[in-house]
């Protein structure tokens, strides 16, 4: 491991053994942790991309030490098989919003792929392969693609329509 100073005189720790970069605030608290993968010399790709298979590849912190952002990446694309692929936090630690992505595209079959928390409201948006759907059209699309989550989401749609 070695310390490097950038032109902005920020403290950065680079661990070449684990392809990790840690950036620090002036007060000594961690500002960000990023995990990279060397993709080699490919013509259409950056050499180093965010990548981590056993946790968040990018974690950013507020200066007070609370988490600001957690992002999960595989080969440079936002991706997580189970759970949100990116989570944004408020300074008090509560969640501001979260996204569910597969291979860099907003995608979730068992619920909303973008969830925004605002005061007491929750705003949900439904995506399959980066295409946004109303909840009703989302359920229809699940049926069309033969999703194993169709029956559960259809039940939720029936309950929602019954309560209207």
N, C-alpha and C. Protein backbone atom coordinates (compact mmCIF):
# COMPACT_ATOMS: atom_id res chain seq x y z
N UNK A 1 0.84 -1.18 0.00
CA UNK A 1 0.00 0.00 0.00
C UNK A 1 0.88 1.24 0.00
N UNK A 2 0.37 2.29 -0.62
CA UNK A 2 1.12 3.53 -0.59
C UNK A 2 0.16 4.71 -0.64
N UNK A 3 0.59 5.83 -0.07
CA UNK A 3 -0.20 7.05 -0.09
C UNK A 3 0.23 7.89 -1.27
N UNK A 4 -0.74 8.49 -1.92
CA UNK A 4 -0.47 9.40 -3.01
C UNK A 4 -1.21 10.70 -2.75
N UNK A 5 -0.66 11.81 -3.20
CA UNK A 5 -1.35 13.09 -3.14
C UNK A 5 -1.71 13.51 -4.55
N UNK A 6 -2.96 13.89 -4.76
CA UNK A 6 -3.37 14.37 -6.07
C UNK A 6 -3.03 15.84 -6.17
N UNK A 7 -3.28 16.41 -7.33
CA UNK A 7 -2.99 17.83 -7.52
C UNK A 7 -3.84 18.70 -6.60
N UNK A 8 -4.94 18.15 -6.07
CA UNK A 8 -5.78 18.91 -5.14
C UNK A 8 -5.34 18.71 -3.69
N UNK A 9 -4.24 18.02 -3.50
CA UNK A 9 -3.70 17.76 -2.17
C UNK A 9 -4.67 16.98 -1.27
N UNK A 10 -5.41 16.06 -1.86
CA UNK A 10 -6.28 15.19 -1.08
C UNK A 10 -5.50 13.92 -0.76
N UNK A 11 -5.74 13.37 0.41
CA UNK A 11 -5.07 12.13 0.77
C UNK A 11 -5.81 10.96 0.11
N UNK A 12 -5.05 10.16 -0.57
CA UNK A 12 -5.61 8.98 -1.22
C UNK A 12 -4.70 7.80 -0.90
N UNK A 13 -5.31 6.69 -0.50
CA UNK A 13 -4.59 5.46 -0.22
C UNK A 13 -4.92 4.49 -1.34
N UNK A 14 -3.90 3.96 -1.98
CA UNK A 14 -4.12 2.99 -3.04
C UNK A 14 -3.50 1.67 -2.61
N UNK A 15 -4.32 0.62 -2.63
CA UNK A 15 -3.87 -0.72 -2.31
C UNK A 15 -3.84 -1.50 -3.62
N UNK A 16 -2.67 -1.59 -4.21
CA UNK A 16 -2.53 -2.26 -5.50
C UNK A 16 -2.81 -3.76 -5.42
N UNK A 17 -2.61 -4.36 -4.25
CA UNK A 17 -2.86 -5.79 -4.11
C UNK A 17 -4.35 -6.11 -4.23
N UNK A 18 -5.21 -5.20 -3.76
CA UNK A 18 -6.65 -5.43 -3.79
C UNK A 18 -7.39 -4.50 -4.74
N UNK A 19 -6.66 -3.73 -5.55
CA UNK A 19 -7.26 -2.79 -6.51
C UNK A 19 -8.29 -1.89 -5.83
N UNK A 20 -7.89 -1.31 -4.72
CA UNK A 20 -8.77 -0.48 -3.90
C UNK A 20 -8.20 0.93 -3.77
N UNK A 21 -9.08 1.92 -3.79
CA UNK A 21 -8.68 3.30 -3.58
C UNK A 21 -9.54 3.89 -2.46
N UNK A 22 -8.89 4.49 -1.47
CA UNK A 22 -9.59 5.14 -0.36
C UNK A 22 -9.20 6.60 -0.35
N UNK A 23 -10.20 7.48 -0.35
CA UNK A 23 -9.96 8.92 -0.31
C UNK A 23 -10.43 9.44 1.04
N UNK A 24 -9.70 10.41 1.60
CA UNK A 24 -9.98 10.91 2.95
C UNK A 24 -10.31 12.41 2.92
N UNK A 25 -11.18 12.81 3.85
CA UNK A 25 -11.41 14.23 4.12
C UNK A 25 -10.23 14.79 4.89
N UNK A 26 -10.13 16.10 4.96
CA UNK A 26 -9.06 16.75 5.72
C UNK A 26 -9.11 16.39 7.21
N UNK A 27 -10.33 16.09 7.72
CA UNK A 27 -10.46 15.75 9.14
C UNK A 27 -10.06 14.30 9.44
N UNK A 28 -9.65 13.55 8.39
CA UNK A 28 -9.21 12.18 8.58
C UNK A 28 -10.28 11.14 8.33
N UNK A 29 -11.55 11.55 8.25
CA UNK A 29 -12.62 10.61 7.96
C UNK A 29 -12.54 10.16 6.50
N UNK A 30 -13.01 8.95 6.26
CA UNK A 30 -13.03 8.41 4.90
C UNK A 30 -14.07 9.15 4.08
N UNK A 31 -13.68 9.56 2.88
CA UNK A 31 -14.60 10.21 1.93
C UNK A 31 -15.20 9.19 0.97
N UNK A 32 -14.38 8.27 0.49
CA UNK A 32 -14.89 7.24 -0.41
C UNK A 32 -13.95 6.03 -0.43
N UNK A 33 -14.55 4.89 -0.75
CA UNK A 33 -13.81 3.65 -0.98
C UNK A 33 -14.29 3.12 -2.31
N UNK A 34 -13.34 2.79 -3.19
CA UNK A 34 -13.70 2.28 -4.51
C UNK A 34 -12.86 1.04 -4.81
N UNK A 35 -13.54 0.04 -5.35
CA UNK A 35 -12.89 -1.21 -5.73
C UNK A 35 -12.90 -1.31 -7.25
N UNK A 36 -11.75 -1.64 -7.82
CA UNK A 36 -11.62 -1.66 -9.27
C UNK A 36 -11.20 -3.04 -9.78
N UNK A 37 -11.39 -3.21 -11.06
CA UNK A 37 -10.92 -4.41 -11.75
C UNK A 37 -10.18 -3.94 -13.00
N UNK A 38 -9.05 -4.55 -13.25
CA UNK A 38 -8.27 -4.24 -14.44
C UNK A 38 -8.86 -5.05 -15.60
N UNK A 39 -9.44 -4.35 -16.57
CA UNK A 39 -10.06 -5.02 -17.72
C UNK A 39 -9.06 -5.27 -18.83
N UNK A 40 -7.81 -4.86 -18.62
CA UNK A 40 -6.80 -5.06 -19.65
C UNK A 40 -6.92 -4.01 -20.74
N UNK A 41 -6.17 -4.17 -21.77
CA UNK A 41 -6.17 -3.23 -22.87
C UNK A 41 -7.19 -3.65 -23.92
N UNK A 42 -8.41 -3.17 -23.75
CA UNK A 42 -9.44 -3.45 -24.74
C UNK A 42 -9.75 -2.18 -25.51
N UNK A 43 -10.15 -2.33 -26.71
CA UNK A 43 -10.34 -1.19 -27.59
C UNK A 43 -11.51 -0.30 -27.17
N UNK A 44 -12.59 -0.89 -26.73
CA UNK A 44 -13.80 -0.13 -26.43
C UNK A 44 -14.11 -0.07 -24.94
N UNK A 45 -13.11 -0.20 -24.11
CA UNK A 45 -13.35 -0.24 -22.67
C UNK A 45 -12.29 0.55 -21.93
N UNK A 46 -12.70 1.14 -20.82
CA UNK A 46 -11.72 1.73 -19.93
C UNK A 46 -10.90 0.60 -19.31
N UNK A 47 -9.67 0.87 -19.01
CA UNK A 47 -8.82 -0.18 -18.45
C UNK A 47 -9.29 -0.58 -17.05
N UNK A 48 -9.56 0.39 -16.20
CA UNK A 48 -9.97 0.11 -14.82
C UNK A 48 -11.44 0.45 -14.66
N UNK A 49 -12.23 -0.49 -14.15
CA UNK A 49 -13.66 -0.26 -13.95
C UNK A 49 -14.05 -0.64 -12.53
N UNK A 50 -15.10 -0.02 -12.03
CA UNK A 50 -15.62 -0.39 -10.71
C UNK A 50 -16.08 -1.84 -10.75
N UNK A 51 -15.66 -2.60 -9.74
CA UNK A 51 -16.00 -4.03 -9.74
C UNK A 51 -15.76 -4.60 -8.34
N UNK A 52 -16.77 -5.29 -7.86
CA UNK A 52 -16.62 -6.05 -6.61
C UNK A 52 -17.74 -7.07 -6.55
N UNK A 53 -17.38 -8.30 -6.30
CA UNK A 53 -18.37 -9.38 -6.29
C UNK A 53 -18.94 -9.68 -4.92
N UNK A 54 -18.28 -9.20 -3.85
CA UNK A 54 -18.73 -9.55 -2.50
C UNK A 54 -19.13 -8.34 -1.66
N UNK A 55 -19.62 -7.30 -2.31
CA UNK A 55 -20.05 -6.11 -1.58
C UNK A 55 -20.09 -4.91 -2.50
N UNK A 56 -20.33 -3.75 -1.92
CA UNK A 56 -20.40 -2.52 -2.70
C UNK A 56 -19.03 -2.20 -3.28
N UNK A 57 -19.00 -1.79 -4.56
CA UNK A 57 -17.75 -1.42 -5.22
C UNK A 57 -17.43 0.05 -5.02
N UNK A 58 -18.43 0.83 -4.62
CA UNK A 58 -18.22 2.26 -4.40
C UNK A 58 -19.04 2.67 -3.18
N UNK A 59 -18.35 3.20 -2.18
CA UNK A 59 -19.00 3.68 -0.97
C UNK A 59 -18.52 5.10 -0.73
N UNK A 60 -19.46 6.01 -0.61
CA UNK A 60 -19.11 7.41 -0.34
C UNK A 60 -19.69 7.80 1.01
N UNK A 61 -18.97 8.68 1.70
CA UNK A 61 -19.36 9.08 3.05
C UNK A 61 -19.52 10.59 3.14
N UNK A 62 -20.42 11.02 4.02
CA UNK A 62 -20.47 12.43 4.39
C UNK A 62 -19.27 12.70 5.29
N UNK A 63 -18.94 13.96 5.45
CA UNK A 63 -17.77 14.32 6.25
C UNK A 63 -17.94 13.90 7.71
N UNK A 64 -19.21 13.78 8.17
CA UNK A 64 -19.46 13.36 9.55
C UNK A 64 -19.29 11.85 9.75
N UNK A 65 -19.02 11.11 8.66
CA UNK A 65 -18.80 9.66 8.76
C UNK A 65 -19.98 8.81 8.35
N UNK A 66 -21.17 9.41 8.23
CA UNK A 66 -22.34 8.65 7.78
C UNK A 66 -22.21 8.31 6.30
N UNK A 67 -22.79 7.19 5.90
CA UNK A 67 -22.75 6.77 4.51
C UNK A 67 -23.65 7.68 3.67
N UNK A 68 -23.13 8.10 2.52
CA UNK A 68 -23.85 8.93 1.56
C UNK A 68 -24.38 8.06 0.41
N UNK A 69 -23.56 7.09 -0.04
CA UNK A 69 -23.89 6.30 -1.22
C UNK A 69 -23.23 4.93 -1.15
N UNK A 70 -23.97 3.91 -1.60
CA UNK A 70 -23.42 2.57 -1.79
C UNK A 70 -23.79 2.12 -3.19
N UNK A 71 -22.80 1.73 -3.98
CA UNK A 71 -23.08 1.27 -5.34
C UNK A 71 -22.42 -0.07 -5.60
N UNK A 72 -23.17 -0.95 -6.21
CA UNK A 72 -22.70 -2.30 -6.52
C UNK A 72 -22.46 -2.39 -8.02
N UNK A 73 -21.26 -2.80 -8.40
CA UNK A 73 -20.87 -2.84 -9.80
C UNK A 73 -20.16 -4.15 -10.11
N UNK A 74 -20.43 -4.65 -11.30
CA UNK A 74 -19.72 -5.80 -11.85
C UNK A 74 -19.21 -5.37 -13.22
N UNK A 75 -17.92 -5.47 -13.43
CA UNK A 75 -17.29 -5.09 -14.70
C UNK A 75 -17.71 -3.70 -15.17
N UNK A 76 -17.79 -2.76 -14.23
CA UNK A 76 -18.09 -1.37 -14.56
C UNK A 76 -19.55 -1.03 -14.73
N UNK A 77 -20.44 -2.03 -14.63
CA UNK A 77 -21.87 -1.78 -14.79
C UNK A 77 -22.57 -1.96 -13.45
N UNK A 78 -23.50 -1.04 -13.17
CA UNK A 78 -24.27 -1.15 -11.93
C UNK A 78 -25.07 -2.44 -11.98
N UNK A 79 -24.86 -3.29 -10.96
CA UNK A 79 -25.48 -4.62 -10.99
C UNK A 79 -25.50 -5.22 -9.59
N UNK A 80 -26.64 -5.82 -9.28
CA UNK A 80 -26.74 -6.62 -8.05
C UNK A 80 -27.85 -7.63 -8.24
N UNK A 81 -27.58 -8.88 -7.91
CA UNK A 81 -28.58 -9.93 -8.10
C UNK A 81 -29.69 -9.88 -7.05
N UNK A 82 -29.32 -9.62 -5.81
CA UNK A 82 -30.31 -9.57 -4.73
C UNK A 82 -30.14 -8.25 -3.98
N UNK A 83 -31.17 -7.43 -3.98
CA UNK A 83 -31.11 -6.15 -3.28
C UNK A 83 -30.84 -4.99 -4.22
N UNK A 84 -30.90 -3.80 -3.66
CA UNK A 84 -30.69 -2.59 -4.44
C UNK A 84 -29.24 -2.49 -4.91
N UNK A 85 -29.04 -2.01 -6.13
CA UNK A 85 -27.69 -1.87 -6.68
C UNK A 85 -27.08 -0.51 -6.35
N UNK A 86 -27.91 0.46 -6.02
CA UNK A 86 -27.41 1.74 -5.53
C UNK A 86 -28.37 2.28 -4.49
N UNK A 87 -27.78 2.78 -3.42
CA UNK A 87 -28.57 3.32 -2.31
C UNK A 87 -27.99 4.67 -1.95
N UNK A 88 -28.84 5.69 -1.95
CA UNK A 88 -28.43 7.05 -1.61
C UNK A 88 -29.03 7.39 -0.25
N UNK A 89 -28.20 7.93 0.63
CA UNK A 89 -28.63 8.22 1.99
C UNK A 89 -28.65 9.73 2.24
N UNK A 90 -29.51 10.13 3.16
CA UNK A 90 -29.50 11.51 3.66
C UNK A 90 -28.45 11.60 4.76
N UNK A 91 -28.10 12.82 5.15
CA UNK A 91 -27.06 13.01 6.17
C UNK A 91 -27.44 12.36 7.50
N UNK A 92 -28.75 12.24 7.78
CA UNK A 92 -29.18 11.64 9.04
C UNK A 92 -29.13 10.11 9.02
N UNK A 93 -28.76 9.52 7.86
CA UNK A 93 -28.66 8.07 7.75
C UNK A 93 -29.87 7.40 7.14
N UNK A 94 -30.97 8.13 6.98
CA UNK A 94 -32.15 7.54 6.36
C UNK A 94 -31.94 7.45 4.85
N UNK A 95 -32.67 6.56 4.20
CA UNK A 95 -32.51 6.35 2.76
C UNK A 95 -33.26 7.43 2.00
N UNK A 96 -32.58 8.01 1.01
CA UNK A 96 -33.19 9.00 0.12
C UNK A 96 -33.85 8.30 -1.07
N UNK A 97 -33.09 7.46 -1.75
CA UNK A 97 -33.67 6.63 -2.80
C UNK A 97 -32.75 5.47 -3.12
N UNK A 98 -33.32 4.49 -3.82
CA UNK A 98 -32.52 3.33 -4.22
C UNK A 98 -32.96 2.84 -5.59
N UNK A 99 -31.99 2.26 -6.28
CA UNK A 99 -32.21 1.71 -7.61
C UNK A 99 -31.86 0.24 -7.63
N UNK A 100 -32.54 -0.48 -8.51
CA UNK A 100 -32.26 -1.89 -8.74
C UNK A 100 -31.86 -2.03 -10.20
N UNK A 101 -30.62 -2.44 -10.43
CA UNK A 101 -30.10 -2.58 -11.80
C UNK A 101 -29.52 -3.97 -12.02
N UNK A 102 -29.64 -4.39 -13.26
CA UNK A 102 -28.99 -5.61 -13.75
C UNK A 102 -28.19 -5.21 -14.98
N UNK A 103 -26.92 -5.50 -14.98
CA UNK A 103 -26.05 -5.20 -16.12
C UNK A 103 -26.15 -3.76 -16.59
N UNK A 104 -26.23 -2.83 -15.65
CA UNK A 104 -26.24 -1.41 -15.97
C UNK A 104 -27.59 -0.85 -16.36
N UNK A 105 -28.65 -1.65 -16.30
CA UNK A 105 -29.99 -1.19 -16.67
C UNK A 105 -30.93 -1.30 -15.49
N UNK A 106 -31.79 -0.27 -15.33
CA UNK A 106 -32.83 -0.37 -14.30
C UNK A 106 -33.70 -1.58 -14.62
N UNK A 107 -33.79 -2.50 -13.67
CA UNK A 107 -34.51 -3.74 -13.94
C UNK A 107 -34.84 -4.42 -12.62
N UNK A 108 -36.13 -4.70 -12.45
CA UNK A 108 -36.55 -5.46 -11.27
C UNK A 108 -37.91 -6.08 -11.56
N UNK A 109 -38.02 -7.37 -11.32
CA UNK A 109 -39.27 -8.07 -11.60
C UNK A 109 -40.12 -8.29 -10.36
N UNK A 110 -39.55 -8.13 -9.16
CA UNK A 110 -40.32 -8.38 -7.94
C UNK A 110 -40.72 -7.09 -7.22
N UNK A 111 -40.74 -5.98 -7.95
CA UNK A 111 -41.15 -4.71 -7.36
C UNK A 111 -40.58 -3.54 -8.14
N UNK A 112 -40.68 -2.36 -7.55
CA UNK A 112 -40.20 -1.15 -8.20
C UNK A 112 -38.67 -1.18 -8.33
N UNK A 113 -38.16 -0.64 -9.45
CA UNK A 113 -36.71 -0.59 -9.67
C UNK A 113 -36.12 0.73 -9.22
N UNK A 114 -36.95 1.74 -9.04
CA UNK A 114 -36.51 3.04 -8.52
C UNK A 114 -37.50 3.42 -7.42
N UNK A 115 -36.98 3.61 -6.21
CA UNK A 115 -37.83 3.95 -5.07
C UNK A 115 -37.27 5.21 -4.44
N UNK A 116 -38.09 6.24 -4.37
CA UNK A 116 -37.69 7.54 -3.84
C UNK A 116 -38.49 7.82 -2.57
N UNK A 117 -37.79 8.13 -1.49
CA UNK A 117 -38.43 8.40 -0.20
C UNK A 117 -38.41 9.91 0.03
N UNK A 118 -39.59 10.50 0.12
CA UNK A 118 -39.69 11.95 0.33
C UNK A 118 -40.68 12.20 1.45
N UNK A 119 -40.17 12.66 2.58
CA UNK A 119 -40.99 12.87 3.78
C UNK A 119 -41.73 11.58 4.10
N UNK A 120 -43.04 11.58 4.10
CA UNK A 120 -43.81 10.37 4.38
C UNK A 120 -44.26 9.66 3.11
N UNK A 121 -43.86 10.16 1.95
CA UNK A 121 -44.27 9.57 0.67
C UNK A 121 -43.18 8.66 0.13
N UNK A 122 -43.63 7.63 -0.59
CA UNK A 122 -42.73 6.74 -1.31
C UNK A 122 -43.16 6.77 -2.77
N UNK A 123 -42.25 7.15 -3.64
CA UNK A 123 -42.53 7.20 -5.07
C UNK A 123 -41.82 6.01 -5.71
N UNK A 124 -42.60 5.15 -6.35
CA UNK A 124 -42.06 3.93 -6.95
C UNK A 124 -42.20 3.99 -8.47
N UNK A 125 -41.14 3.59 -9.15
CA UNK A 125 -41.17 3.51 -10.61
C UNK A 125 -40.73 2.11 -11.01
N UNK A 126 -41.40 1.58 -12.00
CA UNK A 126 -41.20 0.19 -12.41
C UNK A 126 -40.47 0.14 -13.74
N UNK A 127 -39.40 -0.68 -13.79
CA UNK A 127 -38.58 -0.81 -14.98
C UNK A 127 -38.27 -2.26 -15.27
N UNK A 128 -38.25 -2.58 -16.54
CA UNK A 128 -37.72 -3.85 -17.02
C UNK A 128 -36.78 -3.50 -18.17
N UNK A 129 -35.53 -3.91 -18.05
CA UNK A 129 -34.50 -3.62 -19.06
C UNK A 129 -34.45 -2.14 -19.45
N UNK A 130 -34.49 -1.29 -18.44
CA UNK A 130 -34.34 0.17 -18.61
C UNK A 130 -35.56 0.85 -19.23
N UNK A 131 -36.67 0.14 -19.36
CA UNK A 131 -37.90 0.74 -19.89
C UNK A 131 -38.87 0.91 -18.73
N UNK A 132 -39.38 2.15 -18.58
CA UNK A 132 -40.30 2.45 -17.47
C UNK A 132 -41.72 2.04 -17.84
N UNK A 133 -42.44 1.48 -16.87
CA UNK A 133 -43.82 1.05 -17.04
C UNK A 133 -44.68 1.59 -15.90
N UNK A 134 -45.96 1.81 -16.20
CA UNK A 134 -46.92 2.02 -15.11
C UNK A 134 -47.02 0.68 -14.38
N UNK A 135 -47.56 0.67 -13.18
CA UNK A 135 -47.66 -0.58 -12.45
C UNK A 135 -48.50 -1.60 -13.22
N UNK A 136 -49.62 -1.15 -13.81
CA UNK A 136 -50.48 -2.05 -14.57
C UNK A 136 -49.74 -2.66 -15.77
N UNK A 137 -49.01 -1.82 -16.52
CA UNK A 137 -48.26 -2.32 -17.66
C UNK A 137 -47.08 -3.18 -17.25
N UNK A 138 -46.50 -2.88 -16.09
CA UNK A 138 -45.42 -3.68 -15.53
C UNK A 138 -45.90 -5.11 -15.29
N UNK A 139 -47.09 -5.24 -14.69
CA UNK A 139 -47.63 -6.57 -14.41
C UNK A 139 -47.90 -7.32 -15.72
N UNK A 140 -48.43 -6.61 -16.73
CA UNK A 140 -48.66 -7.24 -18.04
C UNK A 140 -47.34 -7.71 -18.66
N UNK A 141 -46.31 -6.88 -18.54
CA UNK A 141 -45.00 -7.23 -19.11
C UNK A 141 -44.42 -8.46 -18.41
N UNK A 142 -44.61 -8.56 -17.09
CA UNK A 142 -44.15 -9.74 -16.36
C UNK A 142 -44.80 -11.00 -16.90
N UNK A 143 -46.10 -10.90 -17.22
CA UNK A 143 -46.80 -12.05 -17.79
C UNK A 143 -46.23 -12.39 -19.17
N UNK A 144 -45.99 -11.35 -19.98
CA UNK A 144 -45.48 -11.56 -21.34
C UNK A 144 -44.11 -12.24 -21.35
N UNK A 145 -43.25 -11.89 -20.38
CA UNK A 145 -41.90 -12.47 -20.37
C UNK A 145 -41.83 -13.76 -19.55
N UNK A 146 -42.96 -14.17 -18.98
CA UNK A 146 -42.99 -15.41 -18.20
C UNK A 146 -42.25 -15.31 -16.88
N UNK A 147 -42.30 -14.15 -16.26
CA UNK A 147 -41.59 -13.96 -15.00
C UNK A 147 -42.21 -14.79 -13.88
N UNK A 148 -41.36 -15.38 -13.04
CA UNK A 148 -41.90 -16.11 -11.88
C UNK A 148 -42.55 -15.18 -10.85
N UNK A 149 -42.38 -13.88 -11.01
CA UNK A 149 -42.95 -12.91 -10.07
C UNK A 149 -44.32 -12.40 -10.52
N UNK A 150 -44.79 -12.87 -11.66
CA UNK A 150 -46.06 -12.36 -12.21
C UNK A 150 -47.22 -12.57 -11.24
N UNK A 151 -47.40 -13.76 -10.72
CA UNK A 151 -48.58 -14.06 -9.88
C UNK A 151 -48.62 -13.15 -8.65
N UNK A 152 -47.49 -12.96 -8.00
CA UNK A 152 -47.45 -12.11 -6.81
C UNK A 152 -47.79 -10.66 -7.16
N UNK A 153 -47.18 -10.14 -8.23
CA UNK A 153 -47.44 -8.75 -8.63
C UNK A 153 -48.88 -8.58 -9.10
N UNK A 154 -49.43 -9.59 -9.76
CA UNK A 154 -50.84 -9.56 -10.20
C UNK A 154 -51.76 -9.47 -9.00
N UNK A 155 -51.44 -10.21 -7.95
CA UNK A 155 -52.23 -10.15 -6.72
C UNK A 155 -52.19 -8.74 -6.12
N UNK A 156 -51.00 -8.14 -6.09
CA UNK A 156 -50.89 -6.76 -5.58
C UNK A 156 -51.69 -5.78 -6.42
N UNK A 157 -51.67 -5.98 -7.74
CA UNK A 157 -52.45 -5.12 -8.63
C UNK A 157 -53.95 -5.30 -8.36
N UNK A 158 -54.41 -6.53 -8.17
CA UNK A 158 -55.82 -6.78 -7.89
C UNK A 158 -56.23 -6.11 -6.57
N UNK A 159 -55.37 -6.19 -5.56
CA UNK A 159 -55.67 -5.55 -4.28
C UNK A 159 -55.74 -4.03 -4.44
N UNK A 160 -54.78 -3.47 -5.20
CA UNK A 160 -54.78 -2.03 -5.44
C UNK A 160 -56.05 -1.58 -6.15
N UNK A 161 -56.46 -2.31 -7.18
CA UNK A 161 -57.66 -1.95 -7.92
C UNK A 161 -58.91 -2.14 -7.08
N UNK A 162 -58.94 -3.14 -6.19
CA UNK A 162 -60.07 -3.35 -5.30
C UNK A 162 -60.23 -2.18 -4.33
N UNK A 163 -59.11 -1.66 -3.86
CA UNK A 163 -59.15 -0.56 -2.89
C UNK A 163 -59.48 0.80 -3.52
N UNK A 164 -59.45 0.90 -4.84
CA UNK A 164 -59.80 2.16 -5.50
C UNK A 164 -61.27 2.31 -5.45
